[in-house]
PDB file of N, CA and C in Angstrom:
ATOM      1  N   MET A   1      20.077 -18.569   0.630  1.00  0.00           N
ATOM      2  CA  MET A   1      21.103 -19.576   0.796  1.00  0.00           C
ATOM      3  C   MET A   1      20.669 -20.538   1.901  1.00  0.00           C
ATOM      4  N   GLN A   2      20.784 -21.802   1.671  1.00  0.00           N
ATOM      5  CA  GLN A   2      20.389 -22.825   2.620  1.00  0.00           C
ATOM      6  C   GLN A   2      21.628 -23.527   3.159  1.00  0.00           C
ATOM      7  N   LEU A   3      21.625 -23.755   4.470  1.00  0.00           N
ATOM      8  CA  LEU A   3      22.747 -24.439   5.094  1.00  0.00           C
ATOM      9  C   LEU A   3      22.456 -25.936   5.153  1.00  0.00           C
ATOM     10  N   ALA A   4      23.442 -26.711   4.875  1.00  0.00           N
ATOM     11  CA  ALA A   4      23.296 -28.161   4.973  1.00  0.00           C
ATOM     12  C   ALA A   4      23.690 -28.581   6.381  1.00  0.00           C
ATOM     13  N   LEU A   5      22.740 -29.196   7.087  1.00  0.00           N
ATOM     14  CA  LEU A   5      23.022 -29.658   8.437  1.00  0.00           C
ATOM     15  C   LEU A   5      23.407 -31.127   8.403  1.00  0.00           C
ATOM     16  N   PRO A   6      24.435 -31.499   9.134  1.00  0.00           N
ATOM     17  CA  PRO A   6      24.835 -32.914   9.167  1.00  0.00           C
ATOM     18  C   PRO A   6      23.781 -33.733   9.910  1.00  0.00           C
ATOM     19  N   HIS A   7      23.604 -34.971   9.481  1.00  0.00           N
ATOM     20  CA  HIS A   7      22.672 -35.881  10.146  1.00  0.00           C
ATOM     21  C   HIS A   7      23.373 -36.521  11.332  1.00  0.00           C
ATOM     22  N   ALA A   8      22.750 -36.398  12.501  1.00  0.00           N
ATOM     23  CA  ALA A   8      23.321 -36.991  13.713  1.00  0.00           C
ATOM     24  C   ALA A   8      22.936 -38.458  13.793  1.00  0.00           C
ATOM     25  N   THR A   9      23.865 -39.275  14.214  1.00  0.00           N
ATOM     26  CA  THR A   9      23.595 -40.693  14.406  1.00  0.00           C
ATOM     27  C   THR A   9      23.877 -41.037  15.865  1.00  0.00           C
ATOM     28  N   VAL A  10      23.533 -42.246  16.250  1.00  0.00           N
ATOM     29  CA  VAL A  10      23.782 -42.678  17.621  1.00  0.00           C
ATOM     30  C   VAL A  10      25.277 -42.639  17.924  1.00  0.00           C
ATOM     31  N   GLY A  11      26.094 -42.931  16.943  1.00  0.00           N
ATOM     32  CA  GLY A  11      27.545 -42.899  17.142  1.00  0.00           C
ATOM     33  C   GLY A  11      28.066 -41.506  17.430  1.00  0.00           C
ATOM     34  N   ASP A  12      27.317 -40.472  17.006  1.00  0.00           N
ATOM     35  CA  ASP A  12      27.730 -39.092  17.240  1.00  0.00           C
ATOM     36  C   ASP A  12      27.331 -38.588  18.623  1.00  0.00           C
ATOM     37  N   THR A  13      26.418 -39.272  19.274  1.00  0.00           N
ATOM     38  CA  THR A  13      25.919 -38.832  20.573  1.00  0.00           C
ATOM     39  C   THR A  13      26.933 -39.182  21.649  1.00  0.00           C
ATOM     40  N   PRO A  14      27.245 -38.219  22.482  1.00  0.00           N
ATOM     41  CA  PRO A  14      28.214 -38.496  23.553  1.00  0.00           C
ATOM     42  C   PRO A  14      27.721 -39.616  24.474  1.00  0.00           C
ATOM     43  N   ALA A  15      28.643 -40.375  25.005  1.00  0.00           N
ATOM     44  CA  ALA A  15      28.322 -41.521  25.852  1.00  0.00           C
ATOM     45  C   ALA A  15      27.543 -41.107  27.100  1.00  0.00           C
ATOM     46  N   LEU A  16      27.862 -39.968  27.683  1.00  0.00           N
ATOM     47  CA  LEU A  16      27.155 -39.503  28.873  1.00  0.00           C
ATOM     48  C   LEU A  16      25.684 -39.233  28.566  1.00  0.00           C
ATOM     49  N   GLU A  17      25.418 -38.607  27.434  1.00  0.00           N
ATOM     50  CA  GLU A  17      24.041 -38.307  27.044  1.00  0.00           C
ATOM     51  C   GLU A  17      23.237 -39.601  26.870  1.00  0.00           C
ATOM     52  N   LEU A  18      23.828 -40.600  26.240  1.00  0.00           N
ATOM     53  CA  LEU A  18      23.151 -41.889  26.061  1.00  0.00           C
ATOM     54  C   LEU A  18      22.912 -42.582  27.401  1.00  0.00           C
ATOM     55  N   ALA A  19      23.880 -42.506  28.297  1.00  0.00           N
ATOM     56  CA  ALA A  19      23.729 -43.130  29.609  1.00  0.00           C
ATOM     57  C   ALA A  19      22.606 -42.473  30.399  1.00  0.00           C
ATOM     58  N   LEU A  20      22.512 -41.147  30.349  1.00  0.00           N
ATOM     59  CA  LEU A  20      21.448 -40.434  31.047  1.00  0.00           C
ATOM     60  C   LEU A  20      20.082 -40.769  30.456  1.00  0.00           C
ATOM     61  N   LEU A  21      20.011 -40.857  29.152  1.00  0.00           N
ATOM     62  CA  LEU A  21      18.755 -41.207  28.489  1.00  0.00           C
ATOM     63  C   LEU A  21      18.306 -42.612  28.874  1.00  0.00           C
ATOM     64  N   ARG A  22      19.217 -43.569  28.848  1.00  0.00           N
ATOM     65  CA  ARG A  22      18.877 -44.949  29.224  1.00  0.00           C
ATOM     66  C   ARG A  22      18.426 -45.035  30.677  1.00  0.00           C
ATOM     67  N   ARG A  23      19.105 -44.305  31.552  1.00  0.00           N
ATOM     68  CA  ARG A  23      18.740 -44.339  32.968  1.00  0.00           C
ATOM     69  C   ARG A  23      17.353 -43.744  33.188  1.00  0.00           C
ATOM     70  N   SER A  24      17.048 -42.624  32.527  1.00  0.00           N
ATOM     71  CA  SER A  24      15.739 -41.997  32.715  1.00  0.00           C
ATOM     72  C   SER A  24      14.625 -42.868  32.144  1.00  0.00           C
ATOM     73  N   LEU A  25      14.859 -43.529  31.019  1.00  0.00           N
ATOM     74  CA  LEU A  25      13.848 -44.431  30.456  1.00  0.00           C
ATOM     75  C   LEU A  25      13.649 -45.649  31.349  1.00  0.00           C
ATOM     76  N   GLY A  26      14.714 -46.139  31.956  1.00  0.00           N
ATOM     77  CA  GLY A  26      14.603 -47.261  32.882  1.00  0.00           C
ATOM     78  C   GLY A  26      13.786 -46.898  34.108  1.00  0.00           C
ATOM     79  N   ARG A  27      13.966 -45.697  34.621  1.00  0.00           N
ATOM     80  CA  ARG A  27      13.197 -45.255  35.787  1.00  0.00           C
ATOM     81  C   ARG A  27      11.727 -45.067  35.432  1.00  0.00           C
ATOM     82  N   LEU A  28      11.450 -44.573  34.232  1.00  0.00           N
ATOM     83  CA  LEU A  28      10.058 -44.448  33.795  1.00  0.00           C
ATOM     84  C   LEU A  28       9.401 -45.817  33.705  1.00  0.00           C
ATOM     85  N   ALA A  29      10.103 -46.767  33.155  1.00  0.00           N
ATOM     86  CA  ALA A  29       9.555 -48.117  33.006  1.00  0.00           C
ATOM     87  C   ALA A  29       9.340 -48.774  34.363  1.00  0.00           C
ATOM     88  N   ASP A  30      10.218 -48.501  35.329  1.00  0.00           N
ATOM     89  CA  ASP A  30      10.067 -49.072  36.669  1.00  0.00           C
ATOM     90  C   ASP A  30       8.810 -48.560  37.352  1.00  0.00           C
ATOM     91  N   GLY A  31       8.434 -47.315  37.060  1.00  0.00           N
ATOM     92  CA  GLY A  31       7.258 -46.723  37.690  1.00  0.00           C
ATOM     93  C   GLY A  31       5.944 -47.116  37.039  1.00  0.00           C
ATOM     94  N   CYS A  32       5.994 -47.761  35.905  1.00  0.00           N
ATOM     95  CA  CYS A  32       4.773 -48.150  35.197  1.00  0.00           C
ATOM     96  C   CYS A  32       4.194 -49.421  35.783  1.00  0.00           C
ATOM     97  N   GLU A  33       2.874 -49.458  35.833  1.00  0.00           N
ATOM     98  CA  GLU A  33       2.200 -50.677  36.269  1.00  0.00           C
ATOM     99  C   GLU A  33       2.193 -51.657  35.097  1.00  0.00           C
ATOM    100  N   ARG A  34       2.335 -52.939  35.399  1.00  0.00           N
ATOM    101  CA  ARG A  34       2.395 -53.958  34.354  1.00  0.00           C
ATOM    102  C   ARG A  34       1.373 -55.053  34.618  1.00  0.00           C
ATOM    103  N   CYS A  35       0.963 -55.702  33.547  1.00  0.00           N
ATOM    104  CA  CYS A  35       0.081 -56.856  33.643  1.00  0.00           C
ATOM    105  C   CYS A  35       0.873 -58.000  34.267  1.00  0.00           C
ATOM    106  N   SER A  36       0.266 -58.707  35.217  1.00  0.00           N
ATOM    107  CA  SER A  36       0.949 -59.814  35.890  1.00  0.00           C
ATOM    108  C   SER A  36       1.152 -61.012  34.972  1.00  0.00           C
ATOM    109  N   ARG A  37       0.361 -61.125  33.928  1.00  0.00           N
ATOM    110  CA  ARG A  37       0.442 -62.286  33.040  1.00  0.00           C
ATOM    111  C   ARG A  37       1.397 -62.042  31.864  1.00  0.00           C
ATOM    112  N   CYS A  38       1.174 -60.968  31.102  1.00  0.00           N
ATOM    113  CA  CYS A  38       1.986 -60.731  29.893  1.00  0.00           C
ATOM    114  C   CYS A  38       3.115 -59.720  30.123  1.00  0.00           C
ATOM    115  N   HIS A  39       3.126 -59.044  31.269  1.00  0.00           N
ATOM    116  CA  HIS A  39       4.158 -58.079  31.670  1.00  0.00           C
ATOM    117  C   HIS A  39       4.200 -56.850  30.770  1.00  0.00           C
ATOM    118  N   ARG A  40       3.129 -56.616  30.051  1.00  0.00           N
ATOM    119  CA  ARG A  40       3.036 -55.427  29.197  1.00  0.00           C
ATOM    120  C   ARG A  40       2.764 -54.200  30.061  1.00  0.00           C
ATOM    121  N   SER A  41       3.383 -53.052  29.724  1.00  0.00           N
ATOM    122  CA  SER A  41       3.096 -51.801  30.421  1.00  0.00           C
ATOM    123  C   SER A  41       1.670 -51.390  30.096  1.00  0.00           C
ATOM    124  N   LEU A  42       0.913 -51.072  31.120  1.00  0.00           N
ATOM    125  CA  LEU A  42      -0.482 -50.701  30.927  1.00  0.00           C
ATOM    126  C   LEU A  42      -0.573 -49.270  30.419  1.00  0.00           C
ATOM    127  N   LEU A  43      -1.494 -49.024  29.531  1.00  0.00           N
ATOM    128  CA  LEU A  43      -1.647 -47.722  28.901  1.00  0.00           C
ATOM    129  C   LEU A  43      -2.611 -46.843  29.685  1.00  0.00           C
ATOM    130  N   VAL A  44      -2.371 -45.544  29.659  1.00  0.00           N
ATOM    131  CA  VAL A  44      -3.278 -44.598  30.300  1.00  0.00           C
ATOM    132  C   VAL A  44      -4.635 -44.710  29.617  1.00  0.00           C
ATOM    133  N   GLY A  45      -5.687 -44.843  30.411  1.00  0.00           N
ATOM    134  CA  GLY A  45      -7.034 -44.985  29.879  1.00  0.00           C
ATOM    135  C   GLY A  45      -7.475 -46.423  29.686  1.00  0.00           C
ATOM    136  N   GLU A  46      -6.572 -47.361  29.850  1.00  0.00           N
ATOM    137  CA  GLU A  46      -6.891 -48.778  29.682  1.00  0.00           C
ATOM    138  C   GLU A  46      -7.586 -49.319  30.931  1.00  0.00           C
ATOM    139  N   ARG A  47      -8.550 -50.202  30.751  1.00  0.00           N
ATOM    140  CA  ARG A  47      -9.230 -50.840  31.879  1.00  0.00           C
ATOM    141  C   ARG A  47      -8.408 -52.042  32.326  1.00  0.00           C
ATOM    142  N   VAL A  48      -8.169 -52.140  33.653  1.00  0.00           N
ATOM    143  CA  VAL A  48      -7.427 -53.261  34.218  1.00  0.00           C
ATOM    144  C   VAL A  48      -8.284 -53.931  35.285  1.00  0.00           C
ATOM    145  N   TYR A  49      -7.940 -55.170  35.573  1.00  0.00           N
ATOM    146  CA  TYR A  49      -8.710 -55.993  36.488  1.00  0.00           C
ATOM    147  C   TYR A  49      -7.814 -56.447  37.625  1.00  0.00           C
ATOM    148  N   ASP A  50      -8.251 -56.178  38.859  1.00  0.00           N
ATOM    149  CA  ASP A  50      -7.494 -56.549  40.052  1.00  0.00           C
ATOM    150  C   ASP A  50      -8.026 -57.866  40.596  1.00  0.00           C
ATOM    151  N   TYR A  51      -7.091 -58.771  40.924  1.00  0.00           N
ATOM    152  CA  TYR A  51      -7.422 -60.082  41.470  1.00  0.00           C
ATOM    153  C   TYR A  51      -6.788 -60.229  42.843  1.00  0.00           C
ATOM    154  N   ALA A  52      -7.188 -61.248  43.558  1.00  0.00           N
ATOM    155  CA  ALA A  52      -6.649 -61.508  44.904  1.00  0.00           C
ATOM    156  C   ALA A  52      -5.131 -61.665  44.846  1.00  0.00           C
ATOM    157  N   GLY A  53      -4.475 -61.222  45.893  1.00  0.00           N
ATOM    158  CA  GLY A  53      -3.023 -61.356  45.976  1.00  0.00           C
ATOM    159  C   GLY A  53      -2.259 -60.286  45.212  1.00  0.00           C
ATOM    160  N   GLY A  54      -2.916 -59.195  44.785  1.00  0.00           N
ATOM    161  CA  GLY A  54      -2.240 -58.128  44.062  1.00  0.00           C
ATOM    162  C   GLY A  54      -2.025 -58.407  42.591  1.00  0.00           C
ATOM    163  N   HIS A  55      -2.620 -59.453  42.093  1.00  0.00           N
ATOM    164  CA  HIS A  55      -2.520 -59.850  40.689  1.00  0.00           C
ATOM    165  C   HIS A  55      -3.336 -58.881  39.834  1.00  0.00           C
ATOM    166  N   VAL A  56      -2.739 -58.344  38.765  1.00  0.00           N
ATOM    167  CA  VAL A  56      -3.400 -57.396  37.867  1.00  0.00           C
ATOM    168  C   VAL A  56      -3.394 -57.973  36.459  1.00  0.00           C
ATOM    169  N   ALA A  57      -4.535 -57.920  35.788  1.00  0.00           N
ATOM    170  CA  ALA A  57      -4.617 -58.414  34.413  1.00  0.00           C
ATOM    171  C   ALA A  57      -5.090 -57.296  33.490  1.00  0.00           C
ATOM    172  N   CYS A  58      -4.479 -57.212  32.320  1.00  0.00           N
ATOM    173  CA  CYS A  58      -4.906 -56.235  31.327  1.00  0.00           C
ATOM    174  C   CYS A  58      -6.150 -56.757  30.610  1.00  0.00           C
ATOM    175  N   GLU A  59      -6.707 -55.934  29.772  1.00  0.00           N
ATOM    176  CA  GLU A  59      -7.908 -56.313  29.020  1.00  0.00           C
ATOM    177  C   GLU A  59      -7.639 -57.526  28.129  1.00  0.00           C
ATOM    178  N   LEU A  60      -6.445 -57.627  27.598  1.00  0.00           N
ATOM    179  CA  LEU A  60      -6.113 -58.738  26.704  1.00  0.00           C
ATOM    180  C   LEU A  60      -5.990 -60.065  27.437  1.00  0.00           C
ATOM    181  N   CYS A  61      -5.492 -60.040  28.680  1.00  0.00           N
ATOM    182  CA  CYS A  61      -5.262 -61.271  29.441  1.00  0.00           C
ATOM    183  C   CYS A  61      -6.434 -61.650  30.345  1.00  0.00           C
ATOM    184  N   ARG A  62      -7.398 -60.785  30.498  1.00  0.00           N
ATOM    185  CA  ARG A  62      -8.509 -61.019  31.417  1.00  0.00           C
ATOM    186  C   ARG A  62      -9.250 -62.311  31.119  1.00  0.00           C
ATOM    187  N   ARG A  63      -9.433 -62.637  29.875  1.00  0.00           N
ATOM    188  CA  ARG A  63     -10.206 -63.829  29.495  1.00  0.00           C
ATOM    189  C   ARG A  63      -9.506 -65.133  29.875  1.00  0.00           C
ATOM    190  N   ARG A  64      -8.204 -65.077  30.091  1.00  0.00           N
ATOM    191  CA  ARG A  64      -7.464 -66.281  30.474  1.00  0.00           C
ATOM    192  C   ARG A  64      -7.519 -66.560  31.974  1.00  0.00           C
ATOM    193  N   GLU A  65      -8.041 -65.618  32.730  1.00  0.00           N
ATOM    194  CA  GLU A  65      -8.145 -65.784  34.174  1.00  0.00           C
ATOM    195  C   GLU A  65      -9.371 -66.628  34.521  1.00  0.00           C
ATOM    196  N   ARG A  66      -9.220 -67.534  35.469  1.00  0.00           N
ATOM    197  CA  ARG A  66     -10.345 -68.382  35.887  1.00  0.00           C
ATOM    198  C   ARG A  66     -11.199 -67.700  36.938  1.00  0.00           C
ATOM    199  N   ALA A  67     -10.569 -66.978  37.849  1.00  0.00           N
ATOM    200  CA  ALA A  67     -11.292 -66.304  38.931  1.00  0.00           C
ATOM    201  C   ALA A  67     -11.900 -64.992  38.434  1.00  0.00           C
ATOM    202  N   GLU A  68     -12.913 -64.548  39.136  1.00  0.00           N
ATOM    203  CA  GLU A  68     -13.523 -63.253  38.843  1.00  0.00           C
ATOM    204  C   GLU A  68     -12.695 -62.157  39.521  1.00  0.00           C
ATOM    205  N   PRO A  69     -12.513 -61.021  38.865  1.00  0.00           N
ATOM    206  CA  PRO A  69     -11.770 -59.932  39.506  1.00  0.00           C
ATOM    207  C   PRO A  69     -12.589 -59.344  40.655  1.00  0.00           C
ATOM    208  N   TYR A  70     -11.892 -58.866  41.679  1.00  0.00           N
ATOM    209  CA  TYR A  70     -12.612 -58.220  42.774  1.00  0.00           C
ATOM    210  C   TYR A  70     -12.776 -56.729  42.522  1.00  0.00           C
ATOM    211  N   ASP A  71     -12.047 -56.197  41.541  1.00  0.00           N
ATOM    212  CA  ASP A  71     -12.176 -54.777  41.211  1.00  0.00           C
ATOM    213  C   ASP A  71     -11.746 -54.554  39.768  1.00  0.00           C
ATOM    214  N   THR A  72     -12.278 -53.512  39.164  1.00  0.00           N
ATOM    215  CA  THR A  72     -11.870 -53.076  37.827  1.00  0.00           C
ATOM    216  C   THR A  72     -11.673 -51.568  37.896  1.00  0.00           C
ATOM    217  N   ARG A  73     -10.704 -51.072  37.161  1.00  0.00           N
ATOM    218  CA  ARG A  73     -10.398 -49.642  37.207  1.00  0.00           C
ATOM    219  C   ARG A  73      -9.749 -49.194  35.911  1.00  0.00           C
ATOM    220  N   ILE A  74      -9.627 -47.896  35.779  1.00  0.00           N
ATOM    221  CA  ILE A  74      -8.975 -47.269  34.623  1.00  0.00           C
ATOM    222  C   ILE A  74      -7.580 -46.825  35.051  1.00  0.00           C
ATOM    223  N   VAL A  75      -6.586 -47.051  34.208  1.00  0.00           N
ATOM    224  CA  VAL A  75      -5.213 -46.623  34.484  1.00  0.00           C
ATOM    225  C   VAL A  75      -5.129 -45.111  34.281  1.00  0.00           C
ATOM    226  N   HIS A  76      -4.554 -44.436  35.270  1.00  0.00           N
ATOM    227  CA  HIS A  76      -4.362 -42.988  35.196  1.00  0.00           C
ATOM    228  C   HIS A  76      -2.894 -42.666  34.963  1.00  0.00           C
ATOM    229  N   GLY A  77      -2.637 -41.515  34.388  1.00  0.00           N
ATOM    230  CA  GLY A  77      -1.273 -41.066  34.146  1.00  0.00           C
ATOM    231  C   GLY A  77      -0.638 -40.516  35.411  1.00  0.00           C
ATOM    232  N   PRO A  78       0.654 -40.213  35.360  1.00  0.00           N
ATOM    233  CA  PRO A  78       1.369 -39.732  36.547  1.00  0.00           C
ATOM    234  C   PRO A  78       0.866 -38.377  37.040  1.00  0.00           C
ATOM    235  N   GLU A  79       0.200 -37.618  36.186  1.00  0.00           N
ATOM    236  CA  GLU A  79      -0.286 -36.304  36.592  1.00  0.00           C
ATOM    237  C   GLU A  79      -1.624 -36.375  37.316  1.00  0.00           C
ATOM    238  N   PHE A  80      -2.247 -37.550  37.376  1.00  0.00           N
ATOM    239  CA  PHE A  80      -3.557 -37.698  38.011  1.00  0.00           C
ATOM    240  C   PHE A  80      -3.472 -37.312  39.485  1.00  0.00           C
ATOM    241  N   GLY A  81      -4.358 -36.410  39.879  1.00  0.00           N
ATOM    242  CA  GLY A  81      -4.375 -35.941  41.265  1.00  0.00           C
ATOM    243  C   GLY A  81      -3.451 -34.767  41.524  1.00  0.00           C
ATOM    244  N   HIS A  82      -2.666 -34.373  40.540  1.00  0.00           N
ATOM    245  CA  HIS A  82      -1.726 -33.265  40.722  1.00  0.00           C
ATOM    246  C   HIS A  82      -2.064 -32.069  39.842  1.00  0.00           C
ATOM    247  N   THR A  83      -3.213 -32.085  39.207  1.00  0.00           N
ATOM    248  CA  THR A  83      -3.599 -30.980  38.337  1.00  0.00           C
ATOM    249  C   THR A  83      -4.473 -29.999  39.107  1.00  0.00           C
ATOM    250  N   LEU A  84      -4.551 -28.795  38.625  1.00  0.00           N
ATOM    251  CA  LEU A  84      -5.341 -27.751  39.254  1.00  0.00           C
ATOM    252  C   LEU A  84      -6.572 -27.459  38.413  1.00  0.00           C
ATOM    253  N   ARG A  85      -7.630 -27.158  39.103  1.00  0.00           N
ATOM    254  CA  ARG A  85      -8.848 -26.738  38.411  1.00  0.00           C
ATOM    255  C   ARG A  85      -9.155 -25.338  38.903  1.00  0.00           C
ATOM    256  N   ILE A  86      -9.186 -24.383  38.009  1.00  0.00           N
ATOM    257  CA  ILE A  86      -9.436 -22.995  38.367  1.00  0.00           C
ATOM    258  C   ILE A  86     -10.937 -22.758  38.318  1.00  0.00           C
ATOM    259  N   VAL A  87     -11.463 -22.265  39.432  1.00  0.00           N
ATOM    260  CA  VAL A  87     -12.890 -21.993  39.538  1.00  0.00           C
ATOM    261  C   VAL A  87     -13.061 -20.494  39.748  1.00  0.00           C
ATOM    262  N   ASP A  88     -13.848 -19.861  38.893  1.00  0.00           N
ATOM    263  CA  ASP A  88     -14.102 -18.422  39.003  1.00  0.00           C
ATOM    264  C   ASP A  88     -15.281 -18.226  39.940  1.00  0.00           C
ATOM    265  N   ARG A  89     -15.021 -17.636  41.113  1.00  0.00           N
ATOM    266  CA  ARG A  89     -16.079 -17.426  42.110  1.00  0.00           C
ATOM    267  C   ARG A  89     -16.488 -15.957  42.201  1.00  0.00           C
ATOM    268  N   ARG A  90     -16.086 -15.179  41.236  1.00  0.00           N
ATOM    269  CA  ARG A  90     -16.483 -13.761  41.252  1.00  0.00           C
ATOM    270  C   ARG A  90     -17.964 -13.654  40.898  1.00  0.00           C
ATOM    271  N   PRO A  91     -18.652 -12.682  41.492  1.00  0.00           N
ATOM    272  CA  PRO A  91     -20.063 -12.514  41.131  1.00  0.00           C
ATOM    273  C   PRO A  91     -20.194 -12.070  39.673  1.00  0.00           C
ATOM    274  N   ALA A  92     -21.270 -12.499  39.041  1.00  0.00           N
ATOM    275  CA  ALA A  92     -21.494 -12.125  37.643  1.00  0.00           C
ATOM    276  C   ALA A  92     -21.753 -10.619  37.543  1.00  0.00           C
ATOM    277  N   ARG A  93     -21.236 -10.004  36.498  1.00  0.00           N
ATOM    278  CA  ARG A  93     -21.434  -8.562  36.279  1.00  0.00           C
ATOM    279  C   ARG A  93     -22.820  -8.313  35.703  1.00  0.00           C
ATOM    280  N   GLY A  94     -23.452  -7.331  36.232  1.00  0.00           N
ATOM    281  CA  GLY A  94     -24.761  -6.922  35.661  1.00  0.00           C
ATOM    282  C   GLY A  94     -24.535  -6.156  34.381  1.00  0.00           C
ATOM    283  N   GLY A  95     -25.293  -6.440  33.417  1.00  0.00           N
ATOM    284  CA  GLY A  95     -24.952  -5.865  32.150  1.00  0.00           C
ATOM    285  C   GLY A  95     -25.877  -4.977  31.548  1.00  0.00           C
TER     286      GLY A  95
END
């Protein structure tokens, strides 16, 4: 026997749940680095170009810049620098 589950819609979601979801997505977006020209959120792994005055250009907008960038880098995710690497320092067993 199979149970029929009702399809949930946005209208069925409680207002508090929607408010919390919107607030958390807004905070995530605030923490993201953006291109100074097109204002697009930069993707993890994307190469970005730093210019004088804190100006940042994405790969798509770089060609429209007249000045040369003073630095280029890769965008890292929020977990960068907070991960652990386990190193086994036990002596090898003789076999």
